[in-house]
Protein backbone atom coordinates (compact mmCIF):
# COMPACT_ATOMS: atom_id res chain seq x y z
CA MET A 1 -142.68 139.40 43.99
CA SER A 2 -141.98 140.40 40.39
CA ASP A 3 -138.94 138.17 39.83
CA PRO A 4 -140.24 134.85 38.44
CA ILE A 5 -137.21 132.94 39.73
CA LEU A 6 -137.59 134.20 43.30
CA ALA A 7 -141.35 133.61 43.05
CA ALA A 8 -140.75 129.99 42.00
CA ILE A 9 -138.30 129.44 44.87
CA ARG A 10 -140.76 130.96 47.35
CA ARG A 11 -143.66 128.87 46.01
CA ASN A 12 -141.64 125.65 46.31
CA VAL A 13 -140.35 126.45 49.80
CA LEU A 14 -143.90 127.14 50.97
CA GLU A 15 -145.16 123.94 49.34
CA LEU A 16 -142.54 121.85 51.14
CA LEU A 17 -142.68 123.80 54.40
CA PRO A 18 -146.25 125.08 54.79
CA ASP A 19 -145.55 126.35 58.33
CA VAL A 20 -143.04 128.94 57.07
CA GLU A 21 -144.41 132.47 56.87
CA PRO A 22 -144.18 133.69 53.24
CA GLU A 23 -142.55 136.98 54.24
CA LEU A 24 -139.63 135.02 55.72
CA VAL A 25 -138.64 133.64 52.31
CA THR A 26 -136.24 136.45 51.36
CA GLU A 27 -133.03 136.64 49.36
CA ASP A 28 -130.84 136.99 52.44
CA ARG A 29 -132.19 133.83 54.13
CA SER A 30 -130.81 130.37 53.60
CA LEU A 31 -133.04 127.38 53.06
CA THR A 32 -131.54 125.96 56.26
CA ASP A 33 -132.64 129.11 58.16
CA LEU A 34 -136.17 128.35 57.02
CA GLY A 35 -136.03 124.79 58.34
CA CYS A 36 -135.05 122.83 55.23
CA ASN A 37 -132.96 119.74 55.77
CA SER A 38 -130.64 118.49 53.01
CA ILE A 39 -133.42 116.52 51.31
CA ASP A 40 -135.76 119.53 51.42
CA ARG A 41 -133.06 121.77 49.96
CA ALA A 42 -132.46 119.37 47.08
CA GLU A 43 -136.21 119.15 46.50
CA VAL A 44 -136.63 122.94 46.41
CA VAL A 45 -133.82 123.21 43.87
CA SER A 46 -135.15 120.32 41.78
CA MET A 47 -138.74 121.61 41.80
CA THR A 48 -137.62 125.13 40.93
CA MET A 49 -135.43 123.95 38.04
CA GLU A 50 -138.38 121.94 36.72
CA ASP A 51 -140.72 124.94 37.06
CA LEU A 52 -138.27 127.14 35.18
CA GLY A 53 -137.35 124.54 32.58
CA VAL A 54 -133.64 124.77 33.35
CA SER A 55 -130.92 122.27 34.06
CA VAL A 56 -127.98 123.29 36.23
CA PRO A 57 -124.93 121.12 37.00
CA VAL A 58 -124.81 120.25 40.70
CA ARG A 59 -121.32 121.72 41.12
CA GLU A 60 -122.71 125.21 40.43
CA PHE A 61 -124.62 125.08 43.71
CA ALA A 62 -121.46 124.55 45.79
CA ASP A 63 -121.18 128.20 46.84
CA VAL A 64 -124.91 128.85 47.27
CA HIS A 65 -125.57 129.91 50.85
CA ASP A 66 -128.79 131.90 50.58
CA ILE A 67 -131.87 132.26 48.43
CA GLY A 68 -130.41 135.23 46.55
CA ALA A 69 -127.37 133.18 45.50
CA LEU A 70 -129.64 130.29 44.50
CA ALA A 71 -131.70 132.65 42.36
CA ALA A 72 -128.51 134.02 40.74
CA VAL A 73 -127.35 130.52 39.74
CA LEU A 74 -130.77 129.67 38.31
CA ARG A 75 -130.96 133.04 36.52
CA LYS A 76 -127.70 132.25 34.65
CA HIS A 77 -129.44 129.23 33.07
CA ALA A 78 -132.91 130.68 32.53
CA PRO A 79 -134.03 131.13 28.94
């Protein structure tokens, strides 16, 4: 995966949910589809923001329904 933002999301999902097959972590999947509960989802977002060195207001995640949308929000704030 050449996109560092998607790679960071994938890495964090797999760290939190080691039973998930890496090839299932795709842009069109939601974190819920992969088995994340609300705490897991918040943790993935938090860990990924920390990895990328970005800070994103919580309200910007309101319309995020899949990994691609999450990556797009994070990409807007990436240096």
